[in-house]
Amino acid sequence: EHHRKFRIGLRASDFAVMLFPSTAAFGLLLSGTPHPPLAVRVRPTMSLDPADWKLLSRRDQVDGALTLAAAEAGTEAQVVTVTIPRSDDAPSLGLLLDEIATSGDAGIVAVEGLVEGGNGEKATAPLLPGDALVAAAEEGKPTTGVSLEGLPFDSVVERLSSLSSAVGVVVSVKRLVRKPRATVTVRFPEAEGREDARMTLYQGANLRRAMLSSGVALNDPLARRFDAGVGTGDCGGEGTCCTCAVEVAKGLDALSEPSSQEVQMVAKRFPRWRLACKATLGPIEQDEEIVLKVQPRNWDGFYRDDEVDVDGEPLARDGKR
């Protein structure tokens, strides 16, 4: 037996499920029966730490079923399905299982490793340390499927034991993977004398909301509204005033495509401008670097000396705040 010394509170949108230290047997599952525990070395993989997972319970799940998800914004749980061959002559799954956390009827059981030369090594795709078991079924018989998600070790073994050991097993696991992200540098007009701000964004993040939550003064207080033609003040993120426009100095392709309305408002005249309230990150497949210039009208050199506002005042504000 291997004793884990973790105590973790798993966050959830509806309520938290507390998982406490567990004592779990590591063994080879043969015909659904655990063999005597085997000596196992703990691998320092991210997903074997229960703090990287959370169990969610939704009010619409009357059976009390739990859903396993990534605990941190920078990772996501992807479902991987493999088939492990079995037969009467070789009924073992060939998996070393680790109950990384448990509390009553809730738990997380993950793959700790594979038995050398066992059926686990013959799976149709590699199973990795930290893959959390979520479902299993006899090959070719989806109606025999059993849920393993959010269950403690004994319940997982019991449900696996209900499957025939003479045929292959289709196993679904959830695997923690690192999300692609964008490192965003926000630059300010020269007259403000402010240091650059930096943010980390993930796919789908809205630029305006991200910057406001980071304390970035986004809207140009002197910008003329696009919707009214005169006056200042923002529209509250409706995409009609143009006061939250930013210049994308680097990483323009990492943002969502502009709508026809946004093209009409800014992109026709300024191809590298985006409305921050409508621009989102992604989709991206790799890490990106984005550089934004907020309040682009306020940067030195934007207006000519002869350009004036509706009151006849010079628009050029080089070196002035």
Protein backbone atom coordinates (compact mmCIF):
# COMPACT_ATOMS: atom_id res chain seq x y z
CA GLU A 1 0.00 0.00 0.00
CA HIS A 2 1.06 3.55 -0.65
CA HIS A 3 0.02 6.37 1.69
CA ARG A 4 -0.66 9.77 0.15
CA LYS A 5 -0.34 12.79 2.42
CA PHE A 6 -2.66 15.23 0.68
CA ARG A 7 -5.55 17.21 2.10
CA ILE A 8 -7.40 19.17 -0.53
CA GLY A 9 -10.55 21.22 -0.97
CA LEU A 10 -11.86 20.71 -4.48
CA ARG A 11 -13.58 23.81 -5.80
CA ALA A 12 -16.93 23.63 -7.61
CA SER A 13 -19.35 26.08 -9.11
CA ASP A 14 -22.24 24.79 -7.01
CA PHE A 15 -20.49 23.43 -3.93
CA ALA A 16 -17.13 22.04 -2.91
CA VAL A 17 -16.31 18.39 -2.44
CA MET A 18 -13.59 17.86 0.15
CA LEU A 19 -11.09 15.10 -0.58
CA PHE A 20 -8.79 13.88 2.16
CA PRO A 21 -5.72 11.61 2.38
CA SER A 22 -6.30 8.10 1.18
CA THR A 23 -4.69 4.70 1.40
CA ALA A 24 -4.97 3.02 -1.98
CA ALA A 25 -3.78 -0.34 -3.20
CA PHE A 26 -1.64 -0.46 -6.29
CA GLY A 27 -2.13 -3.66 -8.15
CA LEU A 28 -2.67 -5.43 -11.40
CA LEU A 29 -6.32 -5.82 -12.26
CA LEU A 30 -6.72 -9.41 -13.41
CA SER A 31 -10.22 -10.51 -14.37
CA GLY A 32 -11.45 -7.54 -12.35
CA THR A 33 -9.71 -8.74 -9.14
CA PRO A 34 -6.83 -6.75 -7.65
CA HIS A 35 -3.65 -8.72 -7.18
CA PRO A 36 -1.41 -8.11 -4.17
CA PRO A 37 0.00 -4.58 -4.10
CA LEU A 38 3.15 -3.90 -6.07
CA ALA A 39 6.02 -1.62 -5.20
CA VAL A 40 5.49 1.68 -7.03
CA ARG A 41 7.65 4.74 -7.42
CA VAL A 42 5.77 8.02 -7.26
CA ARG A 43 6.39 10.00 -10.42
CA PRO A 44 6.46 13.79 -10.05
CA THR A 45 3.83 14.41 -12.73
CA MET A 46 1.50 17.37 -12.51
CA SER A 47 -1.75 15.42 -12.76
CA LEU A 48 -0.91 13.03 -9.93
CA ASP A 49 -1.27 15.96 -7.56
CA PRO A 50 -4.95 16.13 -6.53
CA ALA A 51 -4.66 19.91 -6.20
CA ASP A 52 -4.70 20.05 -10.00
CA TRP A 53 -8.21 18.56 -10.15
CA LYS A 54 -11.66 19.54 -8.97
CA LEU A 55 -14.90 17.57 -8.75
CA LEU A 56 -18.06 19.36 -9.83
CA SER A 57 -21.60 18.48 -8.89
CA ARG A 58 -24.48 20.08 -10.77
CA ARG A 59 -27.96 20.53 -9.46
CA ASP A 60 -29.45 18.88 -12.53
CA GLN A 61 -27.59 15.61 -11.82
CA VAL A 62 -30.16 13.91 -9.63
CA ASP A 63 -28.07 10.76 -9.29
CA GLY A 64 -25.32 12.73 -7.57
CA ALA A 65 -22.78 11.99 -10.30
CA LEU A 66 -19.60 14.07 -10.14
CA THR A 67 -17.65 15.58 -13.01
CA LEU A 68 -13.85 15.75 -12.95
CA ALA A 69 -12.33 18.96 -14.28
CA ALA A 70 -9.08 20.91 -14.23
CA ALA A 71 -8.70 23.12 -11.17
CA GLU A 72 -6.55 25.83 -12.76
CA ALA A 73 -7.32 28.19 -15.63
CA GLY A 74 -4.08 27.26 -17.38
CA THR A 75 -4.99 23.59 -17.83
CA GLU A 76 -7.93 21.66 -19.19
CA ALA A 77 -9.13 18.07 -18.87
CA GLN A 78 -9.27 16.34 -22.24
CA VAL A 79 -11.06 13.02 -22.71
CA VAL A 80 -8.87 10.28 -24.21
CA THR A 81 -10.42 6.93 -25.16
CA VAL A 82 -8.34 3.80 -25.74
CA THR A 83 -9.00 0.10 -26.16
CA ILE A 84 -7.03 -2.36 -24.04
CA PRO A 85 -6.98 -5.90 -25.48
CA ARG A 86 -7.91 -8.80 -23.18
CA SER A 87 -8.61 -12.49 -23.61
CA ASP A 88 -9.12 -15.63 -21.54
CA ASP A 89 -5.40 -16.27 -21.77
CA ALA A 90 -4.47 -12.69 -20.86
CA PRO A 91 -7.32 -11.11 -18.88
CA SER A 92 -5.28 -8.46 -17.08
CA LEU A 93 -5.69 -4.76 -17.78
CA GLY A 94 -2.04 -4.22 -16.92
CA LEU A 95 -2.66 -0.93 -15.12
CA LEU A 96 -1.22 0.39 -11.87
CA LEU A 97 -3.91 2.55 -10.27
CA ASP A 98 -3.51 5.29 -7.69
CA GLU A 99 -6.35 6.69 -5.58
CA ILE A 100 -4.94 10.18 -5.24
CA ALA A 101 -7.79 11.55 -3.11
CA THR A 102 -10.99 10.33 -1.51
CA SER A 103 -13.79 11.32 0.84
CA GLY A 104 -16.68 8.96 1.44
CA ASP A 105 -18.33 8.16 -1.87
CA ALA A 106 -16.15 10.58 -3.86
CA GLY A 107 -12.66 10.04 -5.13
CA ILE A 108 -10.14 10.34 -7.95
CA VAL A 109 -8.47 7.22 -9.32
CA ALA A 110 -5.65 7.76 -11.79
CA VAL A 111 -3.20 5.68 -13.77
CA GLU A 112 0.10 5.59 -11.88
CA GLY A 113 1.85 3.44 -14.44
CA LEU A 114 1.69 0.39 -16.69
CA VAL A 115 2.74 -3.19 -15.90
CA GLU A 116 5.76 -4.04 -17.98
CA GLY A 117 4.74 -6.38 -20.80
CA GLY A 118 1.05 -6.17 -19.77
CA ASN A 119 -2.04 -5.40 -21.82
CA GLY A 120 -1.92 -1.77 -20.79
CA GLU A 121 1.15 -1.32 -22.94
CA LYS A 122 -0.82 -2.70 -25.91
CA ALA A 123 -3.58 -0.09 -25.71
CA THR A 124 -4.54 1.59 -28.97
CA ALA A 125 -3.06 4.85 -27.62
CA PRO A 126 -0.63 5.47 -24.75
CA LEU A 127 -2.03 5.82 -21.25
CA LEU A 128 0.01 8.29 -19.21
CA PRO A 129 0.66 8.65 -15.50
CA GLY A 130 -2.02 10.88 -14.03
CA ASP A 131 -4.77 9.94 -16.50
CA ALA A 132 -7.95 9.85 -14.39
CA LEU A 133 -10.40 7.02 -15.06
CA VAL A 134 -13.87 8.20 -16.07
CA ALA A 135 -15.57 5.31 -17.94
CA ALA A 136 -15.13 1.77 -19.26
CA ALA A 137 -17.07 -0.68 -21.43
CA GLU A 138 -16.57 -4.02 -23.11
CA GLU A 139 -15.21 -3.66 -26.64
CA GLY A 140 -18.05 -3.62 -29.15
CA LYS A 141 -20.69 -3.52 -26.39
CA PRO A 142 -21.29 0.12 -25.44
CA THR A 143 -24.38 -0.84 -23.41
CA THR A 144 -22.06 -2.49 -20.86
CA GLY A 145 -20.50 0.88 -20.09
CA VAL A 146 -19.86 1.87 -16.49
CA SER A 147 -18.99 5.29 -15.11
CA LEU A 148 -15.80 5.56 -13.06
CA GLU A 149 -15.69 9.33 -12.75
CA GLY A 150 -15.46 10.79 -9.28
CA LEU A 151 -15.53 7.37 -7.59
CA PRO A 152 -13.22 6.02 -4.87
CA PHE A 153 -10.85 3.14 -5.50
CA ASP A 154 -13.07 0.29 -4.27
CA SER A 155 -16.01 1.44 -6.39
CA VAL A 156 -13.80 1.71 -9.48
CA VAL A 157 -12.50 -1.85 -8.96
CA GLU A 158 -16.03 -3.15 -8.39
CA ARG A 159 -17.33 -1.63 -11.62
CA LEU A 160 -14.35 -2.79 -13.65
CA SER A 161 -14.90 -6.29 -12.24
CA SER A 162 -18.40 -6.33 -13.73
CA LEU A 163 -16.93 -6.29 -17.25
CA SER A 164 -16.02 -9.50 -19.03
CA SER A 165 -12.29 -10.22 -18.87
CA ALA A 166 -12.43 -12.27 -22.06
CA VAL A 167 -12.84 -9.27 -24.37
CA GLY A 168 -11.08 -5.95 -24.78
CA VAL A 169 -12.03 -2.97 -22.67
CA VAL A 170 -12.69 0.53 -23.99
CA VAL A 171 -11.36 2.88 -21.32
CA SER A 172 -11.95 6.63 -21.19
CA VAL A 173 -9.68 8.83 -19.11
CA LYS A 174 -9.38 12.55 -18.51
CA ARG A 175 -5.92 13.96 -19.07
CA LEU A 176 -4.69 17.32 -17.83
CA VAL A 177 -3.07 19.30 -20.62
CA ARG A 178 -1.57 22.76 -20.62
CA LYS A 179 -3.66 25.32 -22.48
CA PRO A 180 -2.02 27.51 -25.11
CA ARG A 181 -1.84 31.06 -23.80
CA ALA A 182 -0.98 34.56 -24.89
CA THR A 183 1.39 36.85 -23.05
CA VAL A 184 -0.06 40.32 -23.56
CA THR A 185 1.98 43.49 -23.12
CA VAL A 186 -0.11 46.65 -22.77
CA ARG A 187 1.61 49.92 -23.60
CA PHE A 188 0.42 53.43 -22.77
CA PRO A 189 0.77 56.83 -24.49
CA GLU A 190 4.10 58.53 -23.90
CA ALA A 191 2.58 61.43 -21.97
CA GLU A 192 1.29 59.10 -19.27
CA GLY A 193 4.77 57.94 -18.33
CA ARG A 194 3.41 54.55 -17.22
CA GLU A 195 5.23 51.25 -17.24
CA ASP A 196 3.90 48.51 -19.48
CA ALA A 197 1.26 46.22 -18.03
CA ARG A 198 1.33 42.47 -18.65
CA MET A 199 -1.41 39.87 -18.66
CA THR A 200 -1.78 36.19 -19.45
CA LEU A 201 -4.88 35.32 -21.47
CA TYR A 202 -6.41 32.06 -22.60
CA GLN A 203 -8.53 31.25 -25.61
CA GLY A 204 -11.85 33.08 -25.62
CA ALA A 205 -10.76 35.88 -23.26
CA ASN A 206 -12.21 39.29 -24.14
CA LEU A 207 -9.61 42.07 -24.34
CA ARG A 208 -11.76 44.79 -22.77
CA ARG A 209 -12.85 42.70 -19.80
CA ALA A 210 -9.34 41.39 -19.24
CA MET A 211 -7.79 44.84 -19.24
CA LEU A 212 -10.45 46.41 -17.03
CA SER A 213 -10.09 43.59 -14.50
CA SER A 214 -6.33 44.25 -14.50
CA GLY A 215 -6.82 47.95 -13.79
CA VAL A 216 -5.86 49.19 -17.25
CA ALA A 217 -7.37 52.59 -18.15
CA LEU A 218 -8.62 51.55 -21.54
CA ASN A 219 -11.08 54.10 -22.89
CA ASP A 220 -9.81 57.30 -24.45
CA PRO A 221 -11.57 60.12 -22.56
CA LEU A 222 -11.11 62.48 -25.54
CA ALA A 223 -12.16 60.10 -28.28
CA ARG A 224 -15.09 61.11 -30.44
CA ARG A 225 -17.87 58.55 -30.36
CA PHE A 226 -18.44 56.67 -33.59
CA ASP A 227 -22.16 56.20 -33.00
CA ALA A 228 -22.92 59.83 -32.17
CA GLY A 229 -20.23 61.62 -34.16
CA VAL A 230 -19.69 64.07 -31.32
CA GLY A 231 -19.21 63.84 -27.59
CA THR A 232 -17.15 61.47 -25.49
CA GLY A 233 -17.78 58.59 -23.12
CA ASP A 234 -18.00 54.87 -23.75
CA CYS A 235 -20.98 52.71 -24.71
CA GLY A 236 -20.35 50.09 -22.03
CA GLY A 237 -18.89 47.43 -24.30
CA GLU A 238 -21.63 47.37 -26.94
CA GLY A 239 -19.21 47.95 -29.82
CA THR A 240 -20.76 51.20 -31.00
CA CYS A 241 -18.62 54.06 -29.66
CA CYS A 242 -15.06 53.14 -30.74
CA THR A 243 -13.54 54.65 -27.57
CA CYS A 244 -11.95 51.33 -26.51
CA ALA A 245 -10.02 50.92 -29.76
CA VAL A 246 -6.50 49.53 -29.35
CA GLU A 247 -3.65 49.20 -31.80
CA VAL A 248 -2.30 45.66 -32.06
CA ALA A 249 1.41 46.21 -32.58
CA LYS A 250 2.13 42.48 -32.47
CA GLY A 251 0.03 39.32 -32.57
CA LEU A 252 -2.92 40.53 -34.64
CA ASP A 253 -3.50 37.04 -36.09
CA ALA A 254 -3.93 35.59 -32.59
CA LEU A 255 -7.20 37.50 -32.14
CA SER A 256 -10.67 36.64 -33.39
CA GLU A 257 -11.78 37.88 -36.80
CA PRO A 258 -13.37 41.36 -36.73
CA SER A 259 -17.04 41.67 -37.57
CA SER A 260 -18.18 43.70 -40.57
CA GLN A 261 -19.27 46.45 -38.17
CA GLU A 262 -15.82 46.57 -36.59
CA VAL A 263 -14.19 46.68 -40.01
CA GLN A 264 -16.38 49.63 -40.94
CA MET A 265 -15.63 51.44 -37.70
CA VAL A 266 -11.86 51.05 -37.47
CA ALA A 267 -10.17 48.44 -39.66
CA LYS A 268 -10.76 50.14 -43.00
CA ARG A 269 -8.75 53.16 -41.94
CA PHE A 270 -6.52 51.54 -39.32
CA PRO A 271 -5.91 47.85 -40.24
CA ARG A 272 -4.12 47.09 -36.96
CA TRP A 273 -6.84 48.54 -34.75
CA ARG A 274 -9.38 46.44 -32.89
CA LEU A 275 -12.32 47.24 -30.66
CA ALA A 276 -11.23 45.76 -27.34
CA CYS A 277 -14.84 45.07 -26.36
CA LYS A 278 -15.31 42.78 -29.38
CA ALA A 279 -11.87 41.22 -29.81
CA THR A 280 -11.19 37.88 -28.14
CA LEU A 281 -8.17 35.62 -28.04
CA GLY A 282 -8.01 32.66 -30.37
CA PRO A 283 -8.49 30.10 -31.41
CA ILE A 284 -4.77 29.44 -30.89
CA GLU A 285 -2.78 26.20 -31.01
CA GLN A 286 0.46 27.47 -29.49
CA ASP A 287 1.65 30.18 -27.13
CA GLU A 288 1.42 33.66 -28.61
CA GLU A 289 2.82 37.09 -27.82
CA ILE A 290 0.59 40.15 -28.21
CA VAL A 291 1.50 43.82 -27.84
CA LEU A 292 -1.33 46.36 -27.47
CA LYS A 293 -1.18 50.15 -27.55
CA VAL A 294 -4.15 51.57 -25.67
CA GLN A 295 -5.69 54.93 -26.55
CA PRO A 296 -3.90 54.97 -29.92
CA ARG A 297 -5.16 58.48 -30.72
CA ASN A 298 -3.21 59.84 -27.75
CA TRP A 299 0.18 58.65 -28.92
CA ASP A 300 2.63 61.25 -30.13
CA GLY A 301 2.44 61.85 -33.86
CA PHE A 302 -1.04 60.44 -34.41
CA TYR A 303 -2.67 63.79 -35.35
CA ARG A 304 -1.29 66.40 -37.71
CA ASP A 305 -0.70 69.86 -36.33
CA ASP A 306 -3.58 71.27 -38.39
CA GLU A 307 -6.20 68.79 -37.18
CA VAL A 308 -8.76 70.17 -34.72
CA ASP A 309 -11.69 68.77 -32.76
CA VAL A 310 -15.33 69.83 -33.01
CA ASP A 311 -14.58 72.83 -30.77
CA GLY A 312 -11.69 73.98 -32.94
CA GLU A 313 -9.05 72.86 -30.45
CA PRO A 314 -5.89 71.20 -31.81
CA LEU A 315 -6.06 67.41 -31.69
CA ALA A 316 -2.31 66.95 -31.56
CA ARG A 317 -1.38 66.35 -27.92
CA ASP A 318 2.24 65.36 -28.27
CA GLY A 319 3.90 65.34 -24.88
CA LYS A 320 0.71 66.50 -23.16
CA ARG A 321 -1.50 64.48 -20.91
